[in-house]
Amino acid sequence: MSYRILTVAIFLSLPLVAKTYAVDGIVVAVDPAARTMLVSHRAIANYMPPMLMPFRAESSAELATLHPGARIQFDLTVTKTEAVARHIRLSGESDVALPAPKEKLAIGAALPDFELADQNGRAIRTADLRGKVVAIDFIYSRCPLPDVCPRLSANFAVLQRKFRDQIGANLVLLSVTVDPDFDTPAVLGEYARRWATGPGWLFLTGNVAPLATALGEVYWADEGSIGHNSTTSIVGRDGRLAAMVEGSNYRPDQLAHLIERQLEDHP
């Protein structure tokens, strides 16, 4: 009888695990292969302020009619491990004319010069990375979607463990905030303590817009709107862009393979 009571209790608690929110916004980009859409959305009641965020659709078929500039509505179901967009539909409002995205670096192009501060307040410059393989992603500490920034950071944590003999000396991980006004070195220091297990993984803040633009990160921070389309880049020892992965749904071993190739090809 006790098992039966427990089963009923678990069943009754299931609806409390997931929460669903109504979302409306403008489509910025669509990636049917990854089942994701980048949406500039209005404030989501009781969840998050207006932002530009990637959302994973429950079905790629729901993305078939979408295009940049389309106004849409959908239900966002959020659990502890993922956020899924369901019942995606056109809102019936007029489309929005979106500006063309700024040109990002081509594979083989040199990483631009930058100077940012890490979680310890130290200045990190492009020149400091020469001779090392570098993986760069974009996160922010207040990101509310479990399958975006937390997933990206979890993937980097896997890489830090996998390459523990190379990290710092031959490989550097850079997580760049897209919320630099809030994510000060002190805030990123606390965030780093939740994810990083040792040296070689730096969390950067400052004037991040030039680097974000160069690496194809759709980014802005204005009146609570944060651009964040999750690009992860691999830079070779020569300081040139070697590979880029779009979205946050890649497997850690896929990124590890790209890193291994750079470590092997450029001893």
C-alpha atoms as a PDB file:
ATOM      1  CA  MET A   1       0.000   0.000   0.000  1.00  0.00           C
ATOM      2  CA  SER A   2       2.853   2.393   0.834  1.00  0.00           C
ATOM      3  CA  TYR A   3       4.318   1.948  -2.667  1.00  0.00           C
ATOM      4  CA  ARG A   4       0.914   2.683  -4.171  1.00  0.00           C
ATOM      5  CA  ILE A   5       0.567   5.858  -2.116  1.00  0.00           C
ATOM      6  CA  LEU A   6       4.070   6.911  -3.168  1.00  0.00           C
ATOM      7  CA  THR A   7       3.264   6.310  -6.839  1.00  0.00           C
ATOM      8  CA  VAL A   8       0.090   8.383  -6.598  1.00  0.00           C
ATOM      9  CA  ALA A   9       1.991  11.163  -4.830  1.00  0.00           C
ATOM     10  CA  ILE A  10       4.648  11.241  -7.551  1.00  0.00           C
ATOM     11  CA  PHE A  11       1.986  11.269 -10.261  1.00  0.00           C
ATOM     12  CA  LEU A  12       0.161  14.154  -8.628  1.00  0.00           C
ATOM     13  CA  SER A  13       3.404  16.131  -8.306  1.00  0.00           C
ATOM     14  CA  LEU A  14       4.385  15.828 -11.968  1.00  0.00           C
ATOM     15  CA  PRO A  15       2.505  18.905 -13.203  1.00  0.00           C
ATOM     16  CA  LEU A  16       4.466  20.957 -10.664  1.00  0.00           C
ATOM     17  CA  VAL A  17       7.795  19.951 -12.209  1.00  0.00           C
ATOM     18  CA  ALA A  18       7.230  21.782 -15.492  1.00  0.00           C
ATOM     19  CA  LYS A  19       5.947  25.331 -15.908  1.00  0.00           C
ATOM     20  CA  THR A  20       4.481  26.741 -19.113  1.00  0.00           C
ATOM     21  CA  TYR A  21       4.652  30.381 -20.162  1.00  0.00           C
ATOM     22  CA  ALA A  22       3.020  32.271 -23.025  1.00  0.00           C
ATOM     23  CA  VAL A  23       5.573  33.947 -25.300  1.00  0.00           C
ATOM     24  CA  ASP A  24       5.234  36.361 -28.191  1.00  0.00           C
ATOM     25  CA  GLY A  25       8.044  37.872 -30.212  1.00  0.00           C
ATOM     26  CA  ILE A  26       9.807  38.289 -33.536  1.00  0.00           C
ATOM     27  CA  VAL A  27      11.777  35.568 -35.304  1.00  0.00           C
ATOM     28  CA  VAL A  28      15.392  36.616 -35.942  1.00  0.00           C
ATOM     29  CA  ALA A  29      16.737  33.332 -37.336  1.00  0.00           C
ATOM     30  CA  VAL A  30      15.620  29.722 -37.831  1.00  0.00           C
ATOM     31  CA  ASP A  31      17.729  26.548 -37.768  1.00  0.00           C
ATOM     32  CA  PRO A  32      15.444  23.607 -38.692  1.00  0.00           C
ATOM     33  CA  ALA A  33      18.286  21.060 -38.473  1.00  0.00           C
ATOM     34  CA  ALA A  34      18.888  21.952 -34.827  1.00  0.00           C
ATOM     35  CA  ARG A  35      15.152  22.542 -34.189  1.00  0.00           C
ATOM     36  CA  THR A  36      15.905  26.014 -32.875  1.00  0.00           C
ATOM     37  CA  MET A  37      14.720  29.543 -33.529  1.00  0.00           C
ATOM     38  CA  LEU A  38      16.246  32.809 -32.374  1.00  0.00           C
ATOM     39  CA  VAL A  39      13.464  35.055 -31.076  1.00  0.00           C
ATOM     40  CA  SER A  40      13.395  38.644 -29.837  1.00  0.00           C
ATOM     41  CA  HIS A  41      10.562  38.330 -27.343  1.00  0.00           C
ATOM     42  CA  ARG A  42       8.569  40.596 -25.106  1.00  0.00           C
ATOM     43  CA  ALA A  43       8.611  40.172 -21.343  1.00  0.00           C
ATOM     44  CA  ILE A  44       7.489  36.691 -20.304  1.00  0.00           C
ATOM     45  CA  ALA A  45       5.189  37.153 -17.310  1.00  0.00           C
ATOM     46  CA  ASN A  46       6.635  35.747 -14.076  1.00  0.00           C
ATOM     47  CA  TYR A  47       9.705  34.420 -15.876  1.00  0.00           C
ATOM     48  CA  MET A  48      12.057  36.804 -17.715  1.00  0.00           C
ATOM     49  CA  PRO A  49      12.348  40.331 -19.141  1.00  0.00           C
ATOM     50  CA  PRO A  50      12.466  41.096 -22.893  1.00  0.00           C
ATOM     51  CA  MET A  51      15.446  39.396 -24.507  1.00  0.00           C
ATOM     52  CA  LEU A  52      16.831  37.891 -27.681  1.00  0.00           C
ATOM     53  CA  MET A  53      17.118  34.163 -27.017  1.00  0.00           C
ATOM     54  CA  PRO A  54      17.333  30.834 -28.846  1.00  0.00           C
ATOM     55  CA  PHE A  55      14.446  28.427 -28.238  1.00  0.00           C
ATOM     56  CA  ARG A  56      14.298  24.729 -29.085  1.00  0.00           C
ATOM     57  CA  ALA A  57      11.077  23.621 -30.785  1.00  0.00           C
ATOM     58  CA  GLU A  58       9.320  20.415 -29.853  1.00  0.00           C
ATOM     59  CA  SER A  59       9.018  19.583 -33.556  1.00  0.00           C
ATOM     60  CA  SER A  60      10.983  20.834 -36.559  1.00  0.00           C
ATOM     61  CA  ALA A  61       7.696  20.840 -38.502  1.00  0.00           C
ATOM     62  CA  GLU A  62       6.565  23.813 -36.410  1.00  0.00           C
ATOM     63  CA  LEU A  63       9.471  25.837 -37.807  1.00  0.00           C
ATOM     64  CA  ALA A  64       8.609  25.213 -41.452  1.00  0.00           C
ATOM     65  CA  THR A  65       6.493  28.335 -41.910  1.00  0.00           C
ATOM     66  CA  LEU A  66       8.760  30.683 -39.969  1.00  0.00           C
ATOM     67  CA  HIS A  67      11.089  33.293 -41.426  1.00  0.00           C
ATOM     68  CA  PRO A  68      13.123  36.219 -40.076  1.00  0.00           C
ATOM     69  CA  GLY A  69      10.832  39.098 -39.190  1.00  0.00           C
ATOM     70  CA  ALA A  70       7.741  36.948 -38.559  1.00  0.00           C
ATOM     71  CA  ARG A  71       5.746  37.742 -35.431  1.00  0.00           C
ATOM     72  CA  ILE A  72       4.913  34.569 -33.535  1.00  0.00           C
ATOM     73  CA  GLN A  73       3.376  33.235 -30.360  1.00  0.00           C
ATOM     74  CA  PHE A  74       4.177  29.959 -28.601  1.00  0.00           C
ATOM     75  CA  ASP A  75       4.047  28.117 -25.283  1.00  0.00           C
ATOM     76  CA  LEU A  76       7.385  27.680 -23.482  1.00  0.00           C
ATOM     77  CA  THR A  77       7.484  24.647 -21.199  1.00  0.00           C
ATOM     78  CA  VAL A  78      10.384  24.775 -18.743  1.00  0.00           C
ATOM     79  CA  THR A  79      11.710  21.992 -16.519  1.00  0.00           C
ATOM     80  CA  LYS A  80      14.909  21.772 -14.508  1.00  0.00           C
ATOM     81  CA  THR A  81      16.784  20.401 -17.519  1.00  0.00           C
ATOM     82  CA  GLU A  82      15.261  21.945 -20.635  1.00  0.00           C
ATOM     83  CA  ALA A  83      12.986  24.549 -22.164  1.00  0.00           C
ATOM     84  CA  VAL A  84      10.817  23.550 -25.143  1.00  0.00           C
ATOM     85  CA  ALA A  85       8.716  25.734 -27.457  1.00  0.00           C
ATOM     86  CA  ARG A  86       5.358  24.207 -28.345  1.00  0.00           C
ATOM     87  CA  HIS A  87       2.324  25.265 -30.394  1.00  0.00           C
ATOM     88  CA  ILE A  88       4.323  27.793 -32.413  1.00  0.00           C
ATOM     89  CA  ARG A  89       2.037  29.892 -34.604  1.00  0.00           C
ATOM     90  CA  LEU A  90       2.073  33.170 -36.526  1.00  0.00           C
ATOM     91  CA  SER A  91       0.426  35.917 -34.494  1.00  0.00           C
ATOM     92  CA  GLY A  92      -1.233  37.592 -37.468  1.00  0.00           C
ATOM     93  CA  GLU A  93       0.589  40.887 -36.913  1.00  0.00           C
ATOM     94  CA  SER A  94       2.664  42.464 -39.678  1.00  0.00           C
ATOM     95  CA  ASP A  95       6.192  41.190 -40.239  1.00  0.00           C
ATOM     96  CA  VAL A  96       9.150  43.271 -39.093  1.00  0.00           C
ATOM     97  CA  ALA A  97      11.943  44.314 -41.474  1.00  0.00           C
ATOM     98  CA  LEU A  98      15.128  43.093 -39.783  1.00  0.00           C
ATOM     99  CA  PRO A  99      18.539  44.608 -40.550  1.00  0.00           C
ATOM    100  CA  ALA A 100      21.050  42.316 -42.226  1.00  0.00           C
ATOM    101  CA  PRO A 101      23.344  40.609 -39.700  1.00  0.00           C
ATOM    102  CA  LYS A 102      26.826  42.008 -39.408  1.00  0.00           C
ATOM    103  CA  GLU A 103      29.505  40.017 -41.171  1.00  0.00           C
ATOM    104  CA  LYS A 104      31.350  37.615 -38.901  1.00  0.00           C
ATOM    105  CA  LEU A 105      34.832  36.202 -39.253  1.00  0.00           C
ATOM    106  CA  ALA A 106      35.395  33.621 -41.953  1.00  0.00           C
ATOM    107  CA  ILE A 107      37.092  30.361 -41.078  1.00  0.00           C
ATOM    108  CA  GLY A 108      40.816  31.017 -41.279  1.00  0.00           C
ATOM    109  CA  ALA A 109      40.543  34.706 -40.367  1.00  0.00           C
ATOM    110  CA  ALA A 110      42.559  36.097 -37.470  1.00  0.00           C
ATOM    111  CA  LEU A 111      40.860  36.745 -34.144  1.00  0.00           C
ATOM    112  CA  PRO A 112      40.628  40.537 -33.670  1.00  0.00           C
ATOM    113  CA  ASP A 113      42.545  42.305 -30.939  1.00  0.00           C
ATOM    114  CA  PHE A 114      40.583  42.689 -27.715  1.00  0.00           C
ATOM    115  CA  GLU A 115      41.152  43.436 -24.049  1.00  0.00           C
ATOM    116  CA  LEU A 116      38.699  42.120 -21.471  1.00  0.00           C
ATOM    117  CA  ALA A 117      38.811  41.421 -17.739  1.00  0.00           C
ATOM    118  CA  ASP A 118      38.617  37.915 -16.312  1.00  0.00           C
ATOM    119  CA  GLN A 119      36.842  36.787 -13.142  1.00  0.00           C
ATOM    120  CA  ASN A 120      39.874  37.822 -11.092  1.00  0.00           C
ATOM    121  CA  GLY A 121      40.001  41.305 -12.593  1.00  0.00           C
ATOM    122  CA  ARG A 122      43.078  40.573 -14.711  1.00  0.00           C
ATOM    123  CA  ALA A 123      43.346  42.005 -18.221  1.00  0.00           C
ATOM    124  CA  ILE A 124      43.195  39.341 -20.940  1.00  0.00           C
ATOM    125  CA  ARG A 125      44.340  40.299 -24.435  1.00  0.00           C
ATOM    126  CA  THR A 126      44.407  38.519 -27.772  1.00  0.00           C
ATOM    127  CA  ALA A 127      48.191  38.359 -27.623  1.00  0.00           C
ATOM    128  CA  ASP A 128      48.005  36.389 -24.353  1.00  0.00           C
ATOM    129  CA  LEU A 129      46.345  33.518 -26.221  1.00  0.00           C
ATOM    130  CA  ARG A 130      48.860  33.065 -29.025  1.00  0.00           C
ATOM    131  CA  GLY A 131      50.383  29.603 -29.138  1.00  0.00           C
ATOM    132  CA  LYS A 132      47.345  28.043 -27.483  1.00  0.00           C
ATOM    133  CA  VAL A 133      44.135  26.487 -28.774  1.00  0.00           C
ATOM    134  CA  VAL A 134      41.185  28.547 -27.563  1.00  0.00           C
ATOM    135  CA  ALA A 135      37.490  27.651 -27.228  1.00  0.00           C
ATOM    136  CA  ILE A 136      35.158  30.653 -26.860  1.00  0.00           C
ATOM    137  CA  ASP A 137      31.480  30.655 -25.958  1.00  0.00           C
ATOM    138  CA  PHE A 138      29.033  33.339 -24.799  1.00  0.00           C
ATOM    139  CA  ILE A 139      27.007  33.094 -21.600  1.00  0.00           C
ATOM    140  CA  TYR A 140      25.607  35.271 -18.846  1.00  0.00           C
ATOM    141  CA  SER A 141      25.127  34.516 -15.178  1.00  0.00           C
ATOM    142  CA  ARG A 142      21.405  35.374 -15.039  1.00  0.00           C
ATOM    143  CA  CYS A 143      20.417  33.222 -18.029  1.00  0.00           C
ATOM    144  CA  PRO A 144      17.105  31.575 -17.008  1.00  0.00           C
ATOM    145  CA  LEU A 145      16.946  28.847 -19.673  1.00  0.00           C
ATOM    146  CA  PRO A 146      18.488  25.574 -18.430  1.00  0.00           C
ATOM    147  CA  ASP A 147      19.400  24.339 -21.910  1.00  0.00           C
ATOM    148  CA  VAL A 148      21.297  27.466 -22.972  1.00  0.00           C
ATOM    149  CA  CYS A 149      23.945  29.005 -20.673  1.00  0.00           C
ATOM    150  CA  PRO A 150      23.925  26.230 -18.047  1.00  0.00           C
ATOM    151  CA  ARG A 151      24.275  23.646 -20.818  1.00  0.00           C
ATOM    152  CA  LEU A 152      27.097  25.588 -22.459  1.00  0.00           C
ATOM    153  CA  SER A 153      28.902  25.856 -19.129  1.00  0.00           C
ATOM    154  CA  ALA A 154      28.309  22.178 -18.370  1.00  0.00           C
ATOM    155  CA  ASN A 155      29.846  21.302 -21.736  1.00  0.00           C
ATOM    156  CA  PHE A 156      32.909  23.430 -21.001  1.00  0.00           C
ATOM    157  CA  ALA A 157      33.167  21.733 -17.600  1.00  0.00           C
ATOM    158  CA  VAL A 158      33.321  18.388 -19.417  1.00  0.00           C
ATOM    159  CA  LEU A 159      36.081  19.745 -21.657  1.00  0.00           C
ATOM    160  CA  GLN A 160      38.018  21.044 -18.664  1.00  0.00           C
ATOM    161  CA  ARG A 161      38.028  17.570 -17.148  1.00  0.00           C
ATOM    162  CA  LYS A 162      38.774  15.807 -20.421  1.00  0.00           C
ATOM    163  CA  PHE A 163      41.739  18.028 -21.249  1.00  0.00           C
ATOM    164  CA  ARG A 164      42.984  18.456 -17.684  1.00  0.00           C
ATOM    165  CA  ASP A 165      46.571  17.718 -18.787  1.00  0.00           C
ATOM    166  CA  GLN A 166      46.400  20.365 -21.544  1.00  0.00           C
ATOM    167  CA  ILE A 167      44.231  23.048 -19.974  1.00  0.00           C
ATOM    168  CA  GLY A 168      46.060  26.267 -19.279  1.00  0.00           C
ATOM    169  CA  ALA A 169      49.278  25.244 -21.026  1.00  0.00           C
ATOM    170  CA  ASN A 170      47.990  24.311 -24.487  1.00  0.00           C
ATOM    171  CA  LEU A 171      44.248  24.962 -24.259  1.00  0.00           C
ATOM    172  CA  VAL A 172      42.241  27.875 -22.861  1.00  0.00           C
ATOM    173  CA  LEU A 173      38.463  28.059 -22.423  1.00  0.00           C
ATOM    174  CA  LEU A 174      36.877  31.520 -22.602  1.00  0.00           C
ATOM    175  CA  SER A 175      33.292  32.165 -21.523  1.00  0.00           C
ATOM    176  CA  VAL A 176      32.384  35.725 -22.491  1.00  0.00           C
ATOM    177  CA  THR A 177      29.376  37.379 -20.862  1.00  0.00           C
ATOM    178  CA  VAL A 178      26.758  39.128 -22.993  1.00  0.00           C
ATOM    179  CA  ASP A 179      25.547  40.952 -19.876  1.00  0.00           C
ATOM    180  CA  PRO A 180      28.693  42.920 -18.951  1.00  0.00           C
ATOM    181  CA  ASP A 181      26.842  45.645 -17.026  1.00  0.00           C
ATOM    182  CA  PHE A 182      25.683  43.081 -14.464  1.00  0.00           C
ATOM    183  CA  ASP A 183      28.406  40.442 -14.859  1.00  0.00           C
ATOM    184  CA  THR A 184      31.312  42.214 -13.187  1.00  0.00           C
ATOM    185  CA  PRO A 185      34.505  40.252 -12.411  1.00  0.00           C
ATOM    186  CA  ALA A 186      33.137  39.628  -8.913  1.00  0.00           C
ATOM    187  CA  VAL A 187      29.855  38.224 -10.252  1.00  0.00           C
ATOM    188  CA  LEU A 188      31.702  36.074 -12.784  1.00  0.00           C
ATOM    189  CA  GLY A 189      34.035  34.911 -10.026  1.00  0.00           C
ATOM    190  CA  GLU A 190      31.045  33.495  -8.181  1.00  0.00           C
ATOM    191  CA  TYR A 191      29.706  31.974 -11.392  1.00  0.00           C
ATOM    192  CA  ALA A 192      33.115  30.428 -12.110  1.00  0.00           C
ATOM    193  CA  ARG A 193      33.162  28.769  -8.690  1.00  0.00           C
ATOM    194  CA  ARG A 194      29.968  26.946  -9.619  1.00  0.00           C
ATOM    195  CA  TRP A 195      31.398  25.523 -12.839  1.00  0.00           C
ATOM    196  CA  ALA A 196      35.182  25.593 -13.152  1.00  0.00           C
ATOM    197  CA  THR A 197      37.339  23.040 -11.338  1.00  0.00           C
ATOM    198  CA  GLY A 198      40.740  24.618 -11.922  1.00  0.00           C
ATOM    199  CA  PRO A 199      42.789  27.042 -14.032  1.00  0.00           C
ATOM    200  CA  GLY A 200      42.585  27.500 -17.774  1.00  0.00           C
ATOM    201  CA  TRP A 201      38.918  28.482 -17.941  1.00  0.00           C
ATOM    202  CA  LEU A 202      38.436  32.247 -17.948  1.00  0.00           C
ATOM    203  CA  PHE A 203      35.174  34.184 -17.654  1.00  0.00           C
ATOM    204  CA  LEU A 204      35.460  37.545 -19.398  1.00  0.00           C
ATOM    205  CA  THR A 205      33.624  40.849 -19.160  1.00  0.00           C
ATOM    206  CA  GLY A 206      34.050  44.401 -20.407  1.00  0.00           C
ATOM    207  CA  ASN A 207      33.502  45.778 -23.897  1.00  0.00           C
ATOM    208  CA  VAL A 208      32.503  42.415 -25.364  1.00  0.00           C
ATOM    209  CA  ALA A 209      30.546  43.711 -28.371  1.00  0.00           C
ATOM    210  CA  PRO A 210      33.471  43.785 -30.879  1.00  0.00           C
ATOM    211  CA  LEU A 211      34.456  40.190 -30.098  1.00  0.00           C
ATOM    212  CA  ALA A 212      30.814  39.048 -30.120  1.00  0.00           C
ATOM    213  CA  THR A 213      30.255  40.645 -33.516  1.00  0.00           C
ATOM    214  CA  ALA A 214      33.410  39.083 -34.961  1.00  0.00           C
ATOM    215  CA  LEU A 215      32.302  35.632 -33.830  1.00  0.00           C
ATOM    216  CA  GLY A 216      28.723  35.950 -35.070  1.00  0.00           C
ATOM    217  CA  GLU A 217      27.138  36.408 -31.662  1.00  0.00           C
ATOM    218  CA  VAL A 218      23.897  38.384 -32.062  1.00  0.00           C
ATOM    219  CA  TYR A 219      24.211  40.632 -29.060  1.00  0.00           C
ATOM    220  CA  TRP A 220      22.879  43.781 -27.539  1.00  0.00           C
ATOM    221  CA  ALA A 221      22.084  44.959 -24.040  1.00  0.00           C
ATOM    222  CA  ASP A 222      19.554  47.762 -23.845  1.00  0.00           C
ATOM    223  CA  GLU A 223      16.611  48.170 -21.477  1.00  0.00           C
ATOM    224  CA  GLY A 224      16.762  44.550 -20.401  1.00  0.00           C
ATOM    225  CA  SER A 225      17.180  43.145 -23.903  1.00  0.00           C
ATOM    226  CA  ILE A 226      20.101  40.740 -24.208  1.00  0.00           C
ATOM    227  CA  GLY A 227      21.271  39.230 -27.473  1.00  0.00           C
ATOM    228  CA  HIS A 228      22.438  35.688 -27.162  1.00  0.00           C
ATOM    229  CA  ASN A 229      22.514  33.204 -30.031  1.00  0.00           C
ATOM    230  CA  SER A 230      25.100  30.775 -28.657  1.00  0.00           C
ATOM    231  CA  THR A 231      28.072  30.533 -30.980  1.00  0.00           C
ATOM    232  CA  THR A 232      31.069  28.504 -29.827  1.00  0.00           C
ATOM    233  CA  SER A 233      34.348  29.074 -31.664  1.00  0.00           C
ATOM    234  CA  ILE A 234      37.628  27.197 -31.820  1.00  0.00           C
ATOM    235  CA  VAL A 235      40.735  29.285 -32.457  1.00  0.00           C
ATOM    236  CA  GLY A 236      44.024  27.636 -33.425  1.00  0.00           C
ATOM    237  CA  ARG A 237      47.454  28.281 -31.978  1.00  0.00           C
ATOM    238  CA  ASP A 238      48.069  30.725 -34.821  1.00  0.00           C
ATOM    239  CA  GLY A 239      45.226  32.939 -33.596  1.00  0.00           C
ATOM    240  CA  ARG A 240      42.956  32.110 -36.528  1.00  0.00           C
ATOM    241  CA  LEU A 241      39.377  30.869 -36.412  1.00  0.00           C
ATOM    242  CA  ALA A 242      39.459  27.115 -37.031  1.00  0.00           C
ATOM    243  CA  ALA A 243      35.827  26.081 -36.466  1.00  0.00           C
ATOM    244  CA  MET A 244      32.483  27.344 -35.195  1.00  0.00           C
ATOM    245  CA  VAL A 245      29.515  25.525 -33.685  1.00  0.00           C
ATOM    246  CA  GLU A 246      26.073  27.155 -33.657  1.00  0.00           C
ATOM    247  CA  GLY A 247      23.589  26.707 -30.818  1.00  0.00           C
ATOM    248  CA  SER A 248      23.808  25.041 -27.419  1.00  0.00           C
ATOM    249  CA  ASN A 249      22.666  21.557 -28.378  1.00  0.00           C
ATOM    250  CA  TYR A 250      25.996  20.164 -29.516  1.00  0.00           C
ATOM    251  CA  ARG A 251      27.501  17.197 -27.682  1.00  0.00           C
ATOM    252  CA  PRO A 252      30.692  17.812 -25.678  1.00  0.00           C
ATOM    253  CA  ASP A 253      32.494  15.100 -27.652  1.00  0.00           C
ATOM    254  CA  GLN A 254      31.822  16.994 -30.888  1.00  0.00           C
ATOM    255  CA  LEU A 255      33.598  20.056 -29.550  1.00  0.00           C
ATOM    256  CA  ALA A 256      36.320  17.870 -28.028  1.00  0.00           C
ATOM    257  CA  HIS A 257      37.020  16.390 -31.463  1.00  0.00           C
ATOM    258  CA  LEU A 258      37.509  19.861 -32.959  1.00  0.00           C
ATOM    259  CA  ILE A 259      39.874  20.778 -30.118  1.00  0.00           C
ATOM    260  CA  GLU A 260      41.840  17.544 -30.418  1.00  0.00           C
ATOM    261  CA  ARG A 261      42.336  18.172 -34.097  1.00  0.00           C
ATOM    262  CA  GLN A 262      43.833  21.588 -33.402  1.00  0.00           C
ATOM    263  CA  LEU A 263      46.051  20.222 -30.652  1.00  0.00           C
ATOM    264  CA  GLU A 264      47.309  17.486 -32.958  1.00  0.00           C
ATOM    265  CA  ASP A 265      47.686  19.550 -36.135  1.00  0.00           C
ATOM    266  CA  HIS A 266      49.631  22.316 -34.451  1.00  0.00           C
ATOM    267  CA  PRO A 267      52.038  20.782 -31.934  1.00  0.00           C
END
